[in-house]
Amino acid sequence: MLIAKNHKIFTIEPQKITRNQIIFWLTLSLTIASIYGLMLWQEIFSFEYIIQDDARQHVFWMQRFIDPDLFPNDLIADYFQSVAPLGYSTLYKLMASFGINPLIFAKILPVILSLIITVYCFLFTLKILPIPFTGFLATVMLNHSLWMKDDISSDTARGFIYPLLLGFLYYYFDQKLIACTVFLILQALFYPQTVLISAALIFLDLILNYIK
């Protein structure tokens, strides 16, 4: 009887899925993602001068947004400023205009990205397999995998790959042209290499539809 009860909880027929069930599992997914984020904040805010390794290269020069006279004739700072994607540097510049130090924002951003990733991963999983518990498992495994690497916690542009790609996949699956176009533009602005993945997906989809 217990097995049968658990089976009803974790395997729901698509037509019987309710909004409350989706909200429950999505909220639980966001809770898990938040726990990872809180663990990160506990570590990086424990001392004032803790900064992620990659941020020492890709974020330090953004102090120029606060004081333009910093790092004069510094070729290293000039180089990393020149290779920073436009959307990525503009986001930090915007935050600096609101008085948020780039080095502080770099510590906050990974948690924000992880929450966005969790939402789109959950929703996209439901498109493939419409069982809320499956979406929860997918987000847990993805978050665990991401926080074991430096992709998000690095505070660099590559942290935007996952939310922008998952967002594009979600809207592409729903054939929402405007939303897909917006995400392609964001990919080009924040991490241009991601556009190649999305373009390859569109190309393969067109080929498969042509063959059919």
N, C-alpha and C. Protein backbone atom coordinates (compact mmCIF):
# COMPACT_ATOMS: atom_id res chain seq x y z
N MET A 1 0.83 -1.20 0.00
CA MET A 1 0.00 0.00 0.00
C MET A 1 0.87 1.26 0.00
N LEU A 2 1.98 1.22 0.77
CA LEU A 2 2.89 2.36 0.83
C LEU A 2 3.53 2.60 -0.53
N ILE A 3 3.91 1.52 -1.21
CA ILE A 3 4.51 1.65 -2.54
C ILE A 3 3.51 2.26 -3.52
N ALA A 4 2.28 1.81 -3.42
CA ALA A 4 1.24 2.35 -4.31
C ALA A 4 1.00 3.83 -4.04
N LYS A 5 1.04 4.21 -2.76
CA LYS A 5 0.84 5.62 -2.40
C LYS A 5 1.97 6.48 -2.93
N ASN A 6 3.22 6.01 -2.76
CA ASN A 6 4.37 6.76 -3.27
C ASN A 6 4.33 6.85 -4.79
N HIS A 7 3.87 5.81 -5.42
CA HIS A 7 3.78 5.79 -6.88
C HIS A 7 2.84 6.89 -7.36
N LYS A 8 1.73 7.10 -6.64
CA LYS A 8 0.79 8.14 -7.02
C LYS A 8 1.39 9.53 -6.81
N ILE A 9 2.25 9.66 -5.80
CA ILE A 9 2.84 10.96 -5.49
C ILE A 9 3.87 11.36 -6.54
N PHE A 10 4.74 10.39 -6.91
CA PHE A 10 5.89 10.71 -7.76
C PHE A 10 5.63 10.50 -9.24
N THR A 11 4.64 9.74 -9.61
CA THR A 11 4.32 9.53 -11.02
C THR A 11 2.88 9.93 -11.27
N ILE A 12 2.71 11.11 -11.82
CA ILE A 12 1.39 11.66 -12.04
C ILE A 12 1.09 11.66 -13.53
N GLU A 13 -0.11 11.25 -13.89
CA GLU A 13 -0.50 11.30 -15.28
C GLU A 13 -0.56 12.76 -15.73
N PRO A 14 -0.02 13.06 -16.94
CA PRO A 14 0.07 14.45 -17.40
C PRO A 14 -1.24 15.21 -17.30
N GLN A 15 -2.35 14.55 -17.66
CA GLN A 15 -3.63 15.24 -17.65
C GLN A 15 -4.13 15.53 -16.25
N LYS A 16 -3.51 14.90 -15.24
CA LYS A 16 -3.94 15.10 -13.86
C LYS A 16 -3.02 16.06 -13.08
N ILE A 17 -2.01 16.58 -13.73
CA ILE A 17 -1.10 17.50 -13.06
C ILE A 17 -1.83 18.81 -12.77
N THR A 18 -1.72 19.26 -11.55
CA THR A 18 -2.37 20.50 -11.16
C THR A 18 -1.33 21.61 -10.98
N ARG A 19 -1.81 22.83 -10.97
CA ARG A 19 -0.93 23.99 -10.79
C ARG A 19 -0.24 23.93 -9.42
N ASN A 20 -0.97 23.48 -8.41
CA ASN A 20 -0.41 23.39 -7.06
C ASN A 20 0.74 22.40 -6.99
N GLN A 21 0.63 21.28 -7.73
CA GLN A 21 1.70 20.29 -7.75
C GLN A 21 2.96 20.87 -8.39
N ILE A 22 2.77 21.60 -9.48
CA ILE A 22 3.91 22.23 -10.16
C ILE A 22 4.56 23.26 -9.24
N ILE A 23 3.73 24.08 -8.60
CA ILE A 23 4.26 25.10 -7.69
C ILE A 23 5.02 24.46 -6.53
N PHE A 24 4.49 23.36 -6.00
CA PHE A 24 5.14 22.69 -4.87
C PHE A 24 6.53 22.20 -5.25
N TRP A 25 6.63 21.45 -6.35
CA TRP A 25 7.92 20.88 -6.74
C TRP A 25 8.88 21.95 -7.23
N LEU A 26 8.36 22.99 -7.87
CA LEU A 26 9.23 24.09 -8.30
C LEU A 26 9.76 24.84 -7.08
N THR A 27 8.91 25.07 -6.10
CA THR A 27 9.35 25.73 -4.87
C THR A 27 10.41 24.91 -4.15
N LEU A 28 10.22 23.60 -4.13
CA LEU A 28 11.20 22.72 -3.50
C LEU A 28 12.52 22.77 -4.27
N SER A 29 12.43 22.83 -5.59
CA SER A 29 13.63 22.93 -6.42
C SER A 29 14.38 24.21 -6.13
N LEU A 30 13.65 25.33 -6.03
CA LEU A 30 14.27 26.61 -5.73
C LEU A 30 14.85 26.63 -4.32
N THR A 31 14.23 25.89 -3.42
CA THR A 31 14.75 25.81 -2.05
C THR A 31 16.11 25.12 -2.03
N ILE A 32 16.22 24.03 -2.79
CA ILE A 32 17.50 23.32 -2.87
C ILE A 32 18.57 24.22 -3.49
N ALA A 33 18.19 24.92 -4.57
CA ALA A 33 19.15 25.84 -5.21
C ALA A 33 19.56 26.95 -4.24
N SER A 34 18.62 27.42 -3.44
CA SER A 34 18.93 28.48 -2.47
C SER A 34 19.87 27.99 -1.38
N ILE A 35 19.73 26.73 -1.01
CA ILE A 35 20.62 26.16 0.01
C ILE A 35 22.06 26.17 -0.50
N TYR A 36 22.24 25.76 -1.75
CA TYR A 36 23.58 25.82 -2.34
C TYR A 36 24.10 27.25 -2.34
N GLY A 37 23.22 28.20 -2.70
CA GLY A 37 23.63 29.59 -2.74
C GLY A 37 23.99 30.14 -1.37
N LEU A 38 23.21 29.76 -0.35
CA LEU A 38 23.51 30.22 1.01
C LEU A 38 24.84 29.66 1.50
N MET A 39 25.14 28.43 1.11
CA MET A 39 26.43 27.83 1.48
C MET A 39 27.57 28.62 0.84
N LEU A 40 27.35 29.05 -0.40
CA LEU A 40 28.37 29.87 -1.08
C LEU A 40 28.54 31.20 -0.37
N TRP A 41 27.43 31.86 -0.07
CA TRP A 41 27.50 33.17 0.59
C TRP A 41 28.15 33.07 1.96
N GLN A 42 27.86 31.98 2.66
CA GLN A 42 28.47 31.81 3.98
C GLN A 42 29.99 31.76 3.88
N GLU A 43 30.46 31.19 2.78
CA GLU A 43 31.91 31.05 2.58
C GLU A 43 32.53 32.36 2.11
N ILE A 44 31.96 32.97 1.08
CA ILE A 44 32.61 34.12 0.45
C ILE A 44 32.41 35.42 1.22
N PHE A 45 31.38 35.49 2.06
CA PHE A 45 31.18 36.70 2.85
C PHE A 45 31.74 36.57 4.26
N SER A 46 32.42 35.46 4.51
CA SER A 46 33.00 35.27 5.84
C SER A 46 34.21 36.18 6.06
N PHE A 47 34.89 36.55 4.94
CA PHE A 47 36.01 37.47 5.01
C PHE A 47 35.85 38.51 3.90
N GLU A 48 36.30 39.70 4.15
CA GLU A 48 36.07 40.81 3.23
C GLU A 48 36.77 40.63 1.90
N TYR A 49 37.96 40.06 1.91
CA TYR A 49 38.77 40.04 0.69
C TYR A 49 38.79 38.69 -0.03
N ILE A 50 37.80 37.85 0.22
CA ILE A 50 37.68 36.59 -0.52
C ILE A 50 37.10 36.89 -1.90
N ILE A 51 37.74 36.36 -2.93
CA ILE A 51 37.26 36.54 -4.30
C ILE A 51 37.59 35.29 -5.10
N GLN A 52 36.68 34.91 -5.95
CA GLN A 52 36.88 33.70 -6.75
C GLN A 52 38.06 33.88 -7.70
N ASP A 53 38.76 32.79 -8.00
CA ASP A 53 39.99 32.87 -8.80
C ASP A 53 39.78 33.57 -10.14
N ASP A 54 38.76 33.15 -10.89
CA ASP A 54 38.54 33.73 -12.21
C ASP A 54 38.11 35.19 -12.13
N ALA A 55 37.44 35.55 -11.04
CA ALA A 55 37.02 36.94 -10.88
C ALA A 55 38.21 37.87 -10.74
N ARG A 56 39.32 37.35 -10.28
CA ARG A 56 40.53 38.17 -10.17
C ARG A 56 41.00 38.65 -11.53
N GLN A 57 40.61 37.92 -12.56
CA GLN A 57 40.99 38.31 -13.92
C GLN A 57 39.87 39.05 -14.63
N HIS A 58 38.65 38.53 -14.51
CA HIS A 58 37.55 39.03 -15.34
C HIS A 58 36.70 40.11 -14.69
N VAL A 59 36.86 40.32 -13.38
CA VAL A 59 36.01 41.29 -12.69
C VAL A 59 36.80 42.45 -12.10
N PHE A 60 38.07 42.22 -11.78
CA PHE A 60 38.82 43.24 -11.06
C PHE A 60 38.85 44.57 -11.80
N TRP A 61 38.96 44.53 -13.14
CA TRP A 61 39.08 45.76 -13.92
C TRP A 61 37.78 46.58 -13.89
N MET A 62 36.67 45.92 -13.51
CA MET A 62 35.39 46.64 -13.49
C MET A 62 35.31 47.66 -12.36
N GLN A 63 36.32 47.67 -11.50
CA GLN A 63 36.40 48.75 -10.52
C GLN A 63 36.53 50.10 -11.21
N ARG A 64 36.90 50.06 -12.49
CA ARG A 64 36.96 51.29 -13.27
C ARG A 64 35.57 51.93 -13.42
N PHE A 65 34.52 51.13 -13.29
CA PHE A 65 33.17 51.68 -13.38
C PHE A 65 32.89 52.61 -12.20
N ILE A 66 33.61 52.39 -11.11
CA ILE A 66 33.47 53.23 -9.93
C ILE A 66 34.49 54.36 -9.94
N ASP A 67 35.71 54.01 -10.33
CA ASP A 67 36.79 55.01 -10.41
C ASP A 67 37.50 54.83 -11.75
N PRO A 68 37.18 55.65 -12.75
CA PRO A 68 37.77 55.50 -14.09
C PRO A 68 39.28 55.66 -14.13
N ASP A 69 39.87 56.21 -13.10
CA ASP A 69 41.31 56.45 -13.09
C ASP A 69 42.11 55.24 -12.60
N LEU A 70 41.42 54.17 -12.23
CA LEU A 70 42.12 52.99 -11.74
C LEU A 70 42.87 52.27 -12.86
N PHE A 71 43.95 51.60 -12.50
CA PHE A 71 44.76 50.78 -13.41
C PHE A 71 45.20 51.54 -14.66
N PRO A 72 45.83 52.70 -14.52
CA PRO A 72 46.30 53.44 -15.69
C PRO A 72 47.43 52.69 -16.39
N ASN A 73 47.34 52.62 -17.71
CA ASN A 73 48.37 51.97 -18.53
C ASN A 73 48.60 50.52 -18.11
N ASP A 74 47.55 49.88 -17.60
CA ASP A 74 47.65 48.47 -17.19
C ASP A 74 47.20 47.61 -18.36
N LEU A 75 48.13 46.95 -19.01
CA LEU A 75 47.82 46.16 -20.20
C LEU A 75 46.93 44.96 -19.87
N ILE A 76 47.12 44.38 -18.69
CA ILE A 76 46.31 43.23 -18.30
C ILE A 76 44.86 43.65 -18.11
N ALA A 77 44.64 44.75 -17.40
CA ALA A 77 43.29 45.26 -17.20
C ALA A 77 42.65 45.65 -18.52
N ASP A 78 43.44 46.28 -19.40
CA ASP A 78 42.93 46.67 -20.71
C ASP A 78 42.54 45.44 -21.54
N TYR A 79 43.34 44.39 -21.42
CA TYR A 79 43.05 43.18 -22.19
C TYR A 79 41.73 42.54 -21.75
N PHE A 80 41.57 42.33 -20.45
CA PHE A 80 40.36 41.66 -19.97
C PHE A 80 39.13 42.55 -20.18
N GLN A 81 39.32 43.83 -20.18
CA GLN A 81 38.20 44.73 -20.49
C GLN A 81 37.81 44.60 -21.96
N SER A 82 38.78 44.43 -22.81
CA SER A 82 38.51 44.35 -24.25
C SER A 82 37.84 43.05 -24.66
N VAL A 83 38.10 41.97 -23.93
CA VAL A 83 37.54 40.67 -24.31
C VAL A 83 36.23 40.37 -23.59
N ALA A 84 35.82 41.22 -22.65
CA ALA A 84 34.57 40.98 -21.93
C ALA A 84 33.38 41.19 -22.86
N PRO A 85 32.44 40.23 -22.90
CA PRO A 85 31.24 40.40 -23.74
C PRO A 85 30.48 41.66 -23.35
N LEU A 86 29.86 42.28 -24.33
CA LEU A 86 29.19 43.57 -24.11
C LEU A 86 28.10 43.48 -23.05
N GLY A 87 27.26 42.46 -23.13
CA GLY A 87 26.17 42.34 -22.17
C GLY A 87 26.67 42.11 -20.76
N TYR A 88 27.72 41.31 -20.65
CA TYR A 88 28.31 40.99 -19.35
C TYR A 88 28.88 42.24 -18.68
N SER A 89 29.67 43.00 -19.40
CA SER A 89 30.27 44.20 -18.82
C SER A 89 29.23 45.29 -18.58
N THR A 90 28.22 45.35 -19.46
CA THR A 90 27.17 46.36 -19.29
C THR A 90 26.34 46.09 -18.03
N LEU A 91 26.10 44.82 -17.74
CA LEU A 91 25.35 44.46 -16.53
C LEU A 91 26.08 44.93 -15.28
N TYR A 92 27.39 44.69 -15.24
CA TYR A 92 28.18 45.15 -14.09
C TYR A 92 28.23 46.68 -14.02
N LYS A 93 28.32 47.30 -15.19
CA LYS A 93 28.34 48.76 -15.22
C LYS A 93 27.03 49.33 -14.72
N LEU A 94 25.93 48.69 -15.08
CA LEU A 94 24.62 49.13 -14.63
C LEU A 94 24.51 49.01 -13.11
N MET A 95 24.98 47.88 -12.58
CA MET A 95 24.93 47.69 -11.13
C MET A 95 25.83 48.72 -10.41
N ALA A 96 26.98 49.02 -11.03
CA ALA A 96 27.88 50.01 -10.44
C ALA A 96 27.22 51.39 -10.41
N SER A 97 26.39 51.68 -11.42
CA SER A 97 25.69 52.97 -11.45
C SER A 97 24.69 53.09 -10.32
N PHE A 98 24.25 51.94 -9.79
CA PHE A 98 23.34 51.94 -8.64
C PHE A 98 24.10 51.86 -7.32
N GLY A 99 25.42 51.94 -7.40
CA GLY A 99 26.23 51.95 -6.20
C GLY A 99 26.65 50.58 -5.70
N ILE A 100 26.47 49.54 -6.52
CA ILE A 100 26.84 48.18 -6.13
C ILE A 100 28.25 47.89 -6.65
N ASN A 101 29.17 47.68 -5.77
CA ASN A 101 30.55 47.39 -6.15
C ASN A 101 30.62 46.12 -7.00
N PRO A 102 31.33 46.15 -8.13
CA PRO A 102 31.41 44.95 -8.98
C PRO A 102 31.88 43.70 -8.26
N LEU A 103 32.81 43.85 -7.32
CA LEU A 103 33.30 42.68 -6.59
C LEU A 103 32.23 42.11 -5.66
N ILE A 104 31.35 42.98 -5.17
CA ILE A 104 30.24 42.51 -4.35
C ILE A 104 29.17 41.86 -5.23
N PHE A 105 28.88 42.51 -6.34
CA PHE A 105 27.88 41.96 -7.27
C PHE A 105 28.32 40.60 -7.81
N ALA A 106 29.63 40.43 -7.99
CA ALA A 106 30.16 39.16 -8.48
C ALA A 106 29.88 38.03 -7.48
N LYS A 107 29.74 38.36 -6.22
CA LYS A 107 29.44 37.35 -5.20
C LYS A 107 27.94 37.05 -5.13
N ILE A 108 27.13 38.00 -5.55
CA ILE A 108 25.68 37.83 -5.50
C ILE A 108 25.16 37.15 -6.77
N LEU A 109 25.76 37.49 -7.90
CA LEU A 109 25.27 37.04 -9.20
C LEU A 109 25.14 35.52 -9.34
N PRO A 110 26.10 34.70 -8.88
CA PRO A 110 25.97 33.26 -9.08
C PRO A 110 24.69 32.68 -8.48
N VAL A 111 24.26 33.19 -7.35
CA VAL A 111 23.04 32.67 -6.73
C VAL A 111 21.82 33.06 -7.56
N ILE A 112 21.82 34.28 -8.07
CA ILE A 112 20.71 34.72 -8.93
C ILE A 112 20.64 33.85 -10.18
N LEU A 113 21.79 33.58 -10.78
CA LEU A 113 21.83 32.73 -11.98
C LEU A 113 21.34 31.33 -11.67
N SER A 114 21.72 30.80 -10.52
CA SER A 114 21.32 29.43 -10.17
C SER A 114 19.81 29.33 -10.02
N LEU A 115 19.17 30.37 -9.51
CA LEU A 115 17.71 30.35 -9.37
C LEU A 115 17.03 30.41 -10.74
N ILE A 116 17.58 31.24 -11.63
CA ILE A 116 17.02 31.31 -12.99
C ILE A 116 17.21 29.98 -13.71
N ILE A 117 18.38 29.38 -13.56
CA ILE A 117 18.66 28.08 -14.15
C ILE A 117 17.68 27.04 -13.63
N THR A 118 17.42 27.06 -12.34
CA THR A 118 16.51 26.09 -11.73
C THR A 118 15.11 26.20 -12.32
N VAL A 119 14.62 27.42 -12.48
CA VAL A 119 13.27 27.62 -13.02
C VAL A 119 13.17 27.08 -14.44
N TYR A 120 14.12 27.46 -15.30
CA TYR A 120 14.05 27.04 -16.69
C TYR A 120 14.33 25.54 -16.84
N CYS A 121 15.20 25.00 -16.02
CA CYS A 121 15.46 23.56 -16.07
C CYS A 121 14.20 22.79 -15.69
N PHE A 122 13.53 23.23 -14.65
CA PHE A 122 12.30 22.58 -14.19
C PHE A 122 11.22 22.65 -15.28
N LEU A 123 11.01 23.83 -15.83
CA LEU A 123 9.96 24.00 -16.83
C LEU A 123 10.27 23.23 -18.11
N PHE A 124 11.53 23.24 -18.51
CA PHE A 124 11.90 22.52 -19.74
C PHE A 124 11.78 21.01 -19.55
N THR A 125 12.12 20.53 -18.36
CA THR A 125 11.98 19.10 -18.07
C THR A 125 10.53 18.67 -18.16
N LEU A 126 9.61 19.52 -17.71
CA LEU A 126 8.19 19.21 -17.79
C LEU A 126 7.72 19.12 -19.24
N LYS A 127 8.38 19.86 -20.13
CA LYS A 127 8.03 19.77 -21.54
C LYS A 127 8.40 18.39 -22.11
N ILE A 128 9.51 17.85 -21.62
CA ILE A 128 9.98 16.55 -22.11
C ILE A 128 9.24 15.41 -21.43
N LEU A 129 9.14 15.49 -20.11
CA LEU A 129 8.47 14.46 -19.32
C LEU A 129 7.60 15.17 -18.28
N PRO A 130 6.31 15.32 -18.53
CA PRO A 130 5.45 16.14 -17.68
C PRO A 130 5.11 15.50 -16.34
N ILE A 131 6.15 15.29 -15.53
CA ILE A 131 5.98 14.79 -14.17
C ILE A 131 6.75 15.74 -13.26
N PRO A 132 6.10 16.48 -12.39
CA PRO A 132 6.78 17.48 -11.56
C PRO A 132 7.96 16.94 -10.77
N PHE A 133 7.85 15.71 -10.28
CA PHE A 133 8.95 15.15 -9.50
C PHE A 133 10.19 14.96 -10.37
N THR A 134 9.98 14.67 -11.64
CA THR A 134 11.10 14.54 -12.57
C THR A 134 11.81 15.89 -12.74
N GLY A 135 11.02 16.95 -12.83
CA GLY A 135 11.62 18.28 -12.92
C GLY A 135 12.43 18.60 -11.68
N PHE A 136 11.92 18.20 -10.53
CA PHE A 136 12.65 18.41 -9.28
C PHE A 136 13.98 17.67 -9.29
N LEU A 137 13.97 16.41 -9.69
CA LEU A 137 15.21 15.62 -9.74
C LEU A 137 16.21 16.24 -10.72
N ALA A 138 15.71 16.70 -11.86
CA ALA A 138 16.60 17.29 -12.87
C ALA A 138 17.28 18.53 -12.31
N THR A 139 16.54 19.38 -11.61
CA THR A 139 17.12 20.60 -11.06
C THR A 139 18.12 20.30 -9.95
N VAL A 140 17.82 19.30 -9.13
CA VAL A 140 18.74 18.94 -8.05
C VAL A 140 20.06 18.45 -8.63
N MET A 141 19.97 17.56 -9.62
CA MET A 141 21.19 17.02 -10.22
C MET A 141 21.97 18.09 -10.95
N LEU A 142 21.27 18.99 -11.64
CA LEU A 142 21.96 20.06 -12.36
C LEU A 142 22.64 21.02 -11.39
N ASN A 143 21.94 21.41 -10.34
CA ASN A 143 22.54 22.31 -9.35
C ASN A 143 23.74 21.68 -8.69
N HIS A 144 23.62 20.41 -8.35
CA HIS A 144 24.75 19.72 -7.71
C HIS A 144 25.95 19.70 -8.65
N SER A 145 25.68 19.45 -9.93
CA SER A 145 26.77 19.40 -10.91
C SER A 145 27.40 20.78 -11.09
N LEU A 146 26.58 21.81 -11.18
CA LEU A 146 27.09 23.16 -11.42
C LEU A 146 27.93 23.68 -10.26
N TRP A 147 27.49 23.41 -9.03
CA TRP A 147 28.21 23.93 -7.89
C TRP A 147 29.47 23.13 -7.58
N MET A 148 29.63 22.00 -8.25
CA MET A 148 30.89 21.25 -8.11
C MET A 148 31.96 21.79 -9.05
N LYS A 149 31.54 22.65 -9.99
CA LYS A 149 32.47 23.25 -10.94
C LYS A 149 32.48 24.76 -10.74
N ASP A 150 33.26 25.44 -11.56
CA ASP A 150 33.42 26.89 -11.42
C ASP A 150 32.61 27.69 -12.43
N ASP A 151 31.76 27.02 -13.21
CA ASP A 151 31.07 27.72 -14.29
C ASP A 151 30.21 28.87 -13.77
N ILE A 152 29.47 28.64 -12.71
CA ILE A 152 28.62 29.69 -12.17
C ILE A 152 29.35 30.51 -11.12
N SER A 153 30.01 29.82 -10.22
CA SER A 153 30.68 30.52 -9.11
C SER A 153 31.87 31.35 -9.57
N SER A 154 32.29 31.18 -10.83
CA SER A 154 33.44 31.93 -11.34
C SER A 154 33.15 33.42 -11.52
N ASP A 155 31.85 33.77 -11.54
CA ASP A 155 31.46 35.18 -11.73
C ASP A 155 31.86 35.70 -13.11
N THR A 156 32.06 34.80 -14.05
CA THR A 156 32.46 35.20 -15.39
C THR A 156 31.30 35.03 -16.36
N ALA A 157 31.53 35.42 -17.61
CA ALA A 157 30.47 35.38 -18.61
C ALA A 157 29.98 33.96 -18.88
N ARG A 158 30.84 32.97 -18.69
CA ARG A 158 30.41 31.60 -19.00
C ARG A 158 29.32 31.10 -18.06
N GLY A 159 29.12 31.78 -16.95
CA GLY A 159 28.03 31.42 -16.05
C GLY A 159 26.66 31.66 -16.67
N PHE A 160 26.62 32.48 -17.73
CA PHE A 160 25.35 32.79 -18.38
C PHE A 160 24.96 31.73 -19.42
N ILE A 161 25.83 30.80 -19.69
CA ILE A 161 25.52 29.77 -20.69
C ILE A 161 24.25 29.02 -20.32
N TYR A 162 24.17 28.58 -19.08
CA TYR A 162 23.09 27.68 -18.67
C TYR A 162 21.72 28.37 -18.65
N PRO A 163 21.56 29.52 -18.03
CA PRO A 163 20.22 30.14 -18.06
C PRO A 163 19.79 30.54 -19.46
N LEU A 164 20.73 31.04 -20.27
CA LEU A 164 20.36 31.49 -21.61
C LEU A 164 20.06 30.31 -22.54
N LEU A 165 20.79 29.23 -22.39
CA LEU A 165 20.55 28.07 -23.23
C LEU A 165 19.27 27.35 -22.82
N LEU A 166 19.07 27.18 -21.52
CA LEU A 166 17.84 26.52 -21.05
C LEU A 166 16.61 27.36 -21.38
N GLY A 167 16.73 28.68 -21.24
CA GLY A 167 15.62 29.55 -21.60
C GLY A 167 15.29 29.44 -23.07
N PHE A 168 16.32 29.42 -23.90
CA PHE A 168 16.09 29.28 -25.34
C PHE A 168 15.43 27.95 -25.65
N LEU A 169 15.91 26.87 -25.05
CA LEU A 169 15.33 25.55 -25.31
C LEU A 169 13.86 25.49 -24.89
N TYR A 170 13.56 26.10 -23.77
CA TYR A 170 12.18 26.09 -23.27
C TYR A 170 11.25 26.79 -24.26
N TYR A 171 11.64 27.97 -24.71
CA TYR A 171 10.78 28.72 -25.62
C TYR A 171 10.79 28.14 -27.02
N TYR A 172 11.91 27.56 -27.41
CA TYR A 172 11.97 26.92 -28.74
C TYR A 172 11.05 25.71 -28.78
N PHE A 173 10.99 24.99 -27.69
CA PHE A 173 10.10 23.83 -27.61
C PHE A 173 8.64 24.27 -27.76
N ASP A 174 8.34 25.44 -27.22
CA ASP A 174 6.98 25.99 -27.33
C ASP A 174 6.76 26.77 -28.62
N GLN A 175 7.81 26.89 -29.44
CA GLN A 175 7.75 27.61 -30.72
C GLN A 175 7.32 29.06 -30.53
N LYS A 176 7.90 29.70 -29.51
CA LYS A 176 7.64 31.12 -29.27
C LYS A 176 8.77 31.92 -29.89
N LEU A 177 8.51 32.42 -31.08
CA LEU A 177 9.55 33.04 -31.91
C LEU A 177 10.15 34.27 -31.25
N ILE A 178 9.32 35.14 -30.69
CA ILE A 178 9.82 36.39 -30.11
C ILE A 178 10.74 36.09 -28.92
N ALA A 179 10.29 35.18 -28.05
CA ALA A 179 11.10 34.83 -26.87
C ALA A 179 12.41 34.18 -27.29
N CYS A 180 12.37 33.32 -28.30
CA CYS A 180 13.59 32.68 -28.80
C CYS A 180 14.56 33.73 -29.35
N THR A 181 14.02 34.68 -30.08
CA THR A 181 14.86 35.74 -30.65
C THR A 181 15.52 36.56 -29.55
N VAL A 182 14.75 36.87 -28.50
CA VAL A 182 15.30 37.63 -27.37
C VAL A 182 16.45 36.86 -26.73
N PHE A 183 16.27 35.56 -26.54
CA PHE A 183 17.32 34.77 -25.90
C PHE A 183 18.53 34.62 -26.81
N LEU A 184 18.33 34.56 -28.12
CA LEU A 184 19.47 34.51 -29.04
C LEU A 184 20.28 35.81 -28.96
N ILE A 185 19.58 36.93 -28.85
CA ILE A 185 20.27 38.22 -28.72
C ILE A 185 21.04 38.27 -27.41
N LEU A 186 20.41 37.80 -26.32
CA LEU A 186 21.08 37.78 -25.03
C LEU A 186 22.31 36.87 -25.05
N GLN A 187 22.19 35.74 -25.74
CA GLN A 187 23.33 34.84 -25.87
C GLN A 187 24.48 35.54 -26.58
N ALA A 188 24.16 36.26 -27.63
CA ALA A 188 25.20 36.97 -28.38
C ALA A 188 25.86 38.06 -27.53
N LEU A 189 25.09 38.66 -26.64
CA LEU A 189 25.61 39.75 -25.82
C LEU A 189 26.42 39.24 -24.62
N PHE A 190 25.99 38.12 -24.04
CA PHE A 190 26.63 37.66 -22.81
C PHE A 190 27.66 36.55 -23.04
N TYR A 191 27.40 35.65 -23.97
CA TYR A 191 28.36 34.58 -24.25
C TYR A 191 28.13 34.12 -25.69
N PRO A 192 28.75 34.80 -26.67
CA PRO A 192 28.45 34.58 -28.09
C PRO A 192 28.57 33.14 -28.55
N GLN A 193 29.46 32.36 -27.92
CA GLN A 193 29.62 30.97 -28.35
C GLN A 193 28.33 30.16 -28.22
N THR A 194 27.47 30.58 -27.29
CA THR A 194 26.22 29.86 -27.07
C THR A 194 25.32 29.94 -28.29
N VAL A 195 25.44 31.02 -29.06
CA VAL A 195 24.62 31.17 -30.26
C VAL A 195 24.88 30.02 -31.24
N LEU A 196 26.12 29.55 -31.28
CA LEU A 196 26.45 28.44 -32.18
C LEU A 196 25.67 27.18 -31.81
N ILE A 197 25.51 26.94 -30.51
CA ILE A 197 24.76 25.76 -30.06
C ILE A 197 23.29 25.90 -30.46
N SER A 198 22.72 27.08 -30.21
CA SER A 198 21.32 27.31 -30.54
C SER A 198 21.10 27.25 -32.05
N ALA A 199 22.03 27.83 -32.80
CA ALA A 199 21.91 27.81 -34.26
C ALA A 199 22.01 26.38 -34.79
N ALA A 200 22.88 25.58 -34.20
CA ALA A 200 23.01 24.17 -34.61
C ALA A 200 21.72 23.41 -34.34
N LEU A 201 21.09 23.71 -33.20
CA LEU A 201 19.82 23.06 -32.87
C LEU A 201 18.75 23.42 -33.88
N ILE A 202 18.67 24.70 -34.23
CA ILE A 202 17.68 25.14 -35.22
C ILE A 202 17.94 24.47 -36.57
N PHE A 203 19.23 24.41 -36.95
CA PHE A 203 19.59 23.81 -38.23
C PHE A 203 19.21 22.32 -38.27
N LEU A 204 19.52 21.60 -37.21
CA LEU A 204 19.18 20.18 -37.16
C LEU A 204 17.68 19.96 -37.18
N ASP A 205 16.97 20.84 -36.50
CA ASP A 205 15.51 20.73 -36.49
C ASP A 205 14.94 20.94 -37.89
N LEU A 206 15.49 21.92 -38.60
CA LEU A 206 15.04 22.16 -39.98
C LEU A 206 15.34 20.97 -40.88
N ILE A 207 16.51 20.38 -40.71
CA ILE A 207 16.87 19.20 -41.52
C ILE A 207 15.93 18.04 -41.24
N LEU A 208 15.66 17.79 -39.98
CA LEU A 208 14.77 16.69 -39.61
C LEU A 208 13.36 16.92 -40.14
N ASN A 209 12.89 18.15 -40.06
CA ASN A 209 11.55 18.45 -40.58
C ASN A 209 11.50 18.31 -42.10
N TYR A 210 12.63 18.66 -42.75
CA TYR A 210 12.68 18.53 -44.20
C TYR A 210 12.66 17.06 -44.62
N ILE A 211 13.39 16.23 -43.86
CA ILE A 211 13.43 14.80 -44.17
C ILE A 211 12.05 14.16 -44.00
N LYS A 212 11.32 14.61 -42.97
CA LYS A 212 9.98 14.08 -42.74
C LYS A 212 9.04 14.45 -43.89
